[in-house]
């Protein structure tokens, strides 16, 4: 048997363990929510115009590069399937 679990002898013990477990779950949920918000939060806006133009250009190049890569992969897969 699992020796890590505490021995429960009364209903009051069960209630206390349940309350503690609910508190632990709520605390974990708050930590996960805070972490998720930090990860999904938008980046801070750039102050100078040069940086914002450079950022937009880099994003455009990355999108274009991803598109070209996708087309190449599709063509290679089609060649493999046709053989």
N, C-alpha and C. Protein backbone atom coordinates (compact mmCIF):
# COMPACT_ATOMS: atom_id res chain seq x y z
N UNK A 1 0.83 -1.19 0.00
CA UNK A 1 0.00 0.00 0.00
C UNK A 1 0.87 1.24 0.00
N UNK A 2 0.24 2.35 -0.25
CA UNK A 2 0.95 3.62 -0.30
C UNK A 2 1.08 4.16 1.12
N UNK A 3 2.31 4.32 1.59
CA UNK A 3 2.56 4.79 2.95
C UNK A 3 2.61 6.31 3.04
N UNK A 4 2.52 7.01 1.90
CA UNK A 4 2.60 8.46 1.90
C UNK A 4 1.31 9.13 2.34
N UNK A 5 0.20 8.44 2.23
CA UNK A 5 -1.09 9.04 2.58
C UNK A 5 -1.29 9.00 4.10
N UNK A 6 -1.81 10.10 4.66
CA UNK A 6 -2.06 10.09 6.11
C UNK A 6 -3.25 9.20 6.44
N UNK A 7 -3.22 8.65 7.64
CA UNK A 7 -4.32 7.81 8.10
C UNK A 7 -5.52 8.68 8.44
N UNK A 8 -6.67 8.34 7.90
CA UNK A 8 -7.90 9.09 8.15
C UNK A 8 -8.78 8.22 9.02
N UNK A 9 -9.19 8.82 10.15
CA UNK A 9 -9.97 7.99 11.06
C UNK A 9 -11.39 8.52 11.28
N UNK A 10 -11.60 9.82 11.10
CA UNK A 10 -12.94 10.36 11.34
C UNK A 10 -13.38 11.21 10.16
N UNK A 11 -14.66 11.54 10.18
CA UNK A 11 -15.20 12.42 9.14
C UNK A 11 -14.60 13.81 9.23
N UNK A 12 -14.31 14.26 10.45
CA UNK A 12 -13.69 15.57 10.62
C UNK A 12 -12.31 15.62 9.95
N UNK A 13 -11.56 14.52 10.07
CA UNK A 13 -10.26 14.45 9.41
C UNK A 13 -10.42 14.53 7.89
N UNK A 14 -11.42 13.83 7.38
CA UNK A 14 -11.68 13.84 5.94
C UNK A 14 -12.05 15.25 5.49
N UNK A 15 -12.89 15.93 6.25
CA UNK A 15 -13.29 17.30 5.91
C UNK A 15 -12.08 18.24 5.91
N UNK A 16 -11.23 18.09 6.91
CA UNK A 16 -10.05 18.95 7.00
C UNK A 16 -9.11 18.69 5.82
N UNK A 17 -8.91 17.43 5.46
CA UNK A 17 -8.06 17.12 4.31
C UNK A 17 -8.66 17.65 3.02
N UNK A 18 -9.96 17.57 2.90
CA UNK A 18 -10.64 18.07 1.69
C UNK A 18 -10.48 19.59 1.59
N UNK A 19 -10.67 20.30 2.71
CA UNK A 19 -10.50 21.75 2.71
C UNK A 19 -9.07 22.13 2.32
N UNK A 20 -8.11 21.40 2.87
CA UNK A 20 -6.71 21.69 2.56
C UNK A 20 -6.42 21.43 1.09
N UNK A 21 -6.97 20.35 0.56
CA UNK A 21 -6.76 20.02 -0.85
C UNK A 21 -7.38 21.10 -1.74
N UNK A 22 -8.56 21.58 -1.40
CA UNK A 22 -9.21 22.65 -2.17
C UNK A 22 -8.39 23.93 -2.14
N UNK A 23 -7.84 24.26 -0.98
CA UNK A 23 -6.99 25.44 -0.87
C UNK A 23 -5.74 25.30 -1.74
N UNK A 24 -5.14 24.12 -1.72
CA UNK A 24 -3.95 23.87 -2.55
C UNK A 24 -4.28 24.01 -4.03
N UNK A 25 -5.41 23.47 -4.45
CA UNK A 25 -5.81 23.56 -5.85
C UNK A 25 -6.06 25.02 -6.24
N UNK A 26 -6.71 25.78 -5.38
CA UNK A 26 -6.97 27.19 -5.68
C UNK A 26 -5.67 27.98 -5.80
N UNK A 27 -4.72 27.71 -4.92
CA UNK A 27 -3.44 28.40 -4.98
C UNK A 27 -2.70 28.06 -6.26
N UNK A 28 -2.71 26.79 -6.64
CA UNK A 28 -2.06 26.37 -7.88
C UNK A 28 -2.74 27.01 -9.09
N UNK A 29 -4.06 27.13 -9.03
CA UNK A 29 -4.79 27.75 -10.13
C UNK A 29 -4.40 29.22 -10.27
N UNK A 30 -4.26 29.92 -9.15
CA UNK A 30 -3.86 31.32 -9.19
C UNK A 30 -2.46 31.48 -9.78
N UNK A 31 -1.55 30.59 -9.39
CA UNK A 31 -0.18 30.66 -9.92
C UNK A 31 -0.19 30.39 -11.42
N UNK A 32 -0.94 29.39 -11.87
CA UNK A 32 -1.02 29.09 -13.30
C UNK A 32 -1.65 30.23 -14.08
N UNK A 33 -2.67 30.85 -13.52
CA UNK A 33 -3.33 31.97 -14.19
C UNK A 33 -2.36 33.14 -14.33
N UNK A 34 -1.62 33.44 -13.27
CA UNK A 34 -0.66 34.54 -13.33
C UNK A 34 0.43 34.26 -14.35
N UNK A 35 0.92 33.03 -14.38
CA UNK A 35 1.96 32.66 -15.33
C UNK A 35 1.46 32.75 -16.76
N UNK A 36 0.24 32.29 -16.98
CA UNK A 36 -0.35 32.35 -18.32
C UNK A 36 -0.52 33.78 -18.77
N UNK A 37 -0.96 34.65 -17.89
CA UNK A 37 -1.12 36.06 -18.25
C UNK A 37 0.21 36.69 -18.60
N UNK A 38 1.26 36.32 -17.88
CA UNK A 38 2.59 36.87 -18.19
C UNK A 38 3.05 36.40 -19.56
N UNK A 39 2.79 35.14 -19.89
CA UNK A 39 3.23 34.60 -21.17
C UNK A 39 2.46 35.16 -22.35
N UNK A 40 1.17 35.42 -22.15
CA UNK A 40 0.30 35.84 -23.24
C UNK A 40 0.23 37.36 -23.36
N UNK A 41 0.69 38.06 -22.36
CA UNK A 41 0.59 39.52 -22.36
C UNK A 41 1.33 40.11 -23.55
N UNK A 42 0.79 41.16 -24.14
CA UNK A 42 1.47 41.77 -25.29
C UNK A 42 2.78 42.43 -24.86
N UNK A 43 3.69 42.51 -25.81
CA UNK A 43 4.96 43.15 -25.52
C UNK A 43 4.77 44.64 -25.32
N UNK A 44 5.71 45.24 -24.63
CA UNK A 44 5.64 46.69 -24.44
C UNK A 44 5.87 47.39 -25.78
N UNK A 45 5.20 48.48 -25.96
CA UNK A 45 5.32 49.19 -27.24
C UNK A 45 6.70 49.84 -27.35
N UNK A 46 7.17 49.91 -28.56
CA UNK A 46 8.48 50.52 -28.78
C UNK A 46 8.33 52.04 -28.76
N UNK A 47 9.36 52.68 -28.28
CA UNK A 47 9.29 54.13 -28.11
C UNK A 47 9.62 54.86 -29.40
N UNK A 48 10.71 54.47 -30.07
CA UNK A 48 11.07 55.21 -31.28
C UNK A 48 10.49 54.55 -32.52
N UNK A 49 10.32 55.38 -33.51
CA UNK A 49 9.70 54.93 -34.74
C UNK A 49 10.59 53.96 -35.50
N UNK A 50 11.88 54.13 -35.42
CA UNK A 50 12.82 53.24 -36.12
C UNK A 50 12.70 51.81 -35.65
N UNK A 51 12.57 51.63 -34.35
CA UNK A 51 12.44 50.28 -33.81
C UNK A 51 11.12 49.64 -34.23
N UNK A 52 10.06 50.41 -34.29
CA UNK A 52 8.77 49.83 -34.67
C UNK A 52 8.78 49.44 -36.14
N UNK A 53 9.44 50.22 -36.99
CA UNK A 53 9.55 49.87 -38.41
C UNK A 53 10.40 48.62 -38.57
N UNK A 54 11.51 48.57 -37.84
CA UNK A 54 12.37 47.40 -37.91
C UNK A 54 11.65 46.15 -37.42
N UNK A 55 10.87 46.30 -36.37
CA UNK A 55 10.11 45.17 -35.82
C UNK A 55 9.08 44.68 -36.83
N UNK A 56 8.38 45.59 -37.49
CA UNK A 56 7.39 45.21 -38.50
C UNK A 56 8.07 44.52 -39.68
N UNK A 57 9.22 45.02 -40.09
CA UNK A 57 9.96 44.41 -41.20
C UNK A 57 10.39 43.00 -40.83
N UNK A 58 10.93 42.83 -39.63
CA UNK A 58 11.36 41.50 -39.18
C UNK A 58 10.19 40.53 -39.14
N UNK A 59 9.04 41.00 -38.68
CA UNK A 59 7.86 40.13 -38.63
C UNK A 59 7.43 39.75 -40.05
N UNK A 60 7.46 40.69 -40.96
CA UNK A 60 7.09 40.39 -42.35
C UNK A 60 8.03 39.39 -42.98
N UNK A 61 9.33 39.55 -42.74
CA UNK A 61 10.31 38.62 -43.29
C UNK A 61 10.11 37.23 -42.69
N UNK A 62 9.83 37.16 -41.41
CA UNK A 62 9.60 35.86 -40.77
C UNK A 62 8.37 35.17 -41.33
N UNK A 63 7.31 35.92 -41.57
CA UNK A 63 6.09 35.35 -42.16
C UNK A 63 6.38 34.85 -43.58
N UNK A 64 7.07 35.65 -44.36
CA UNK A 64 7.42 35.26 -45.73
C UNK A 64 8.30 34.01 -45.72
N UNK A 65 9.28 33.97 -44.84
CA UNK A 65 10.17 32.82 -44.74
C UNK A 65 9.39 31.56 -44.36
N UNK A 66 8.47 31.69 -43.43
CA UNK A 66 7.64 30.55 -43.05
C UNK A 66 6.77 30.07 -44.19
N UNK A 67 6.25 31.00 -44.97
CA UNK A 67 5.42 30.65 -46.13
C UNK A 67 6.23 29.89 -47.16
N UNK A 68 7.41 30.38 -47.48
CA UNK A 68 8.28 29.71 -48.46
C UNK A 68 8.68 28.32 -47.96
N UNK A 69 9.02 28.21 -46.69
CA UNK A 69 9.37 26.91 -46.11
C UNK A 69 8.21 25.94 -46.22
N UNK A 70 7.00 26.41 -45.95
CA UNK A 70 5.82 25.57 -46.05
C UNK A 70 5.60 25.07 -47.46
N UNK A 71 5.78 25.94 -48.43
CA UNK A 71 5.61 25.53 -49.84
C UNK A 71 6.64 24.47 -50.21
N UNK A 72 7.89 24.68 -49.81
CA UNK A 72 8.94 23.69 -50.11
C UNK A 72 8.64 22.34 -49.47
N UNK A 73 8.18 22.35 -48.23
CA UNK A 73 7.86 21.09 -47.56
C UNK A 73 6.71 20.38 -48.26
N UNK A 74 5.69 21.11 -48.65
CA UNK A 74 4.55 20.50 -49.34
C UNK A 74 5.01 19.87 -50.65
N UNK A 75 5.87 20.55 -51.39
CA UNK A 75 6.36 20.00 -52.67
C UNK A 75 7.18 18.74 -52.45
N UNK A 76 8.04 18.73 -51.43
CA UNK A 76 8.83 17.53 -51.15
C UNK A 76 7.95 16.36 -50.74
N UNK A 77 6.95 16.63 -49.93
CA UNK A 77 6.04 15.57 -49.50
C UNK A 77 5.26 15.03 -50.70
N UNK A 78 4.84 15.91 -51.59
CA UNK A 78 4.12 15.47 -52.78
C UNK A 78 5.01 14.60 -53.67
N UNK A 79 6.29 14.95 -53.79
CA UNK A 79 7.21 14.13 -54.59
C UNK A 79 7.37 12.75 -53.97
N UNK A 80 7.47 12.70 -52.67
CA UNK A 80 7.64 11.41 -51.98
C UNK A 80 6.38 10.55 -52.15
N UNK A 81 5.22 11.13 -52.04
CA UNK A 81 3.96 10.41 -52.14
C UNK A 81 3.73 9.91 -53.57
N UNK A 82 4.11 10.66 -54.56
CA UNK A 82 3.88 10.28 -55.96
C UNK A 82 4.76 9.13 -56.42
N UNK A 83 5.87 8.90 -55.78
CA UNK A 83 6.79 7.84 -56.21
C UNK A 83 6.22 6.51 -55.99
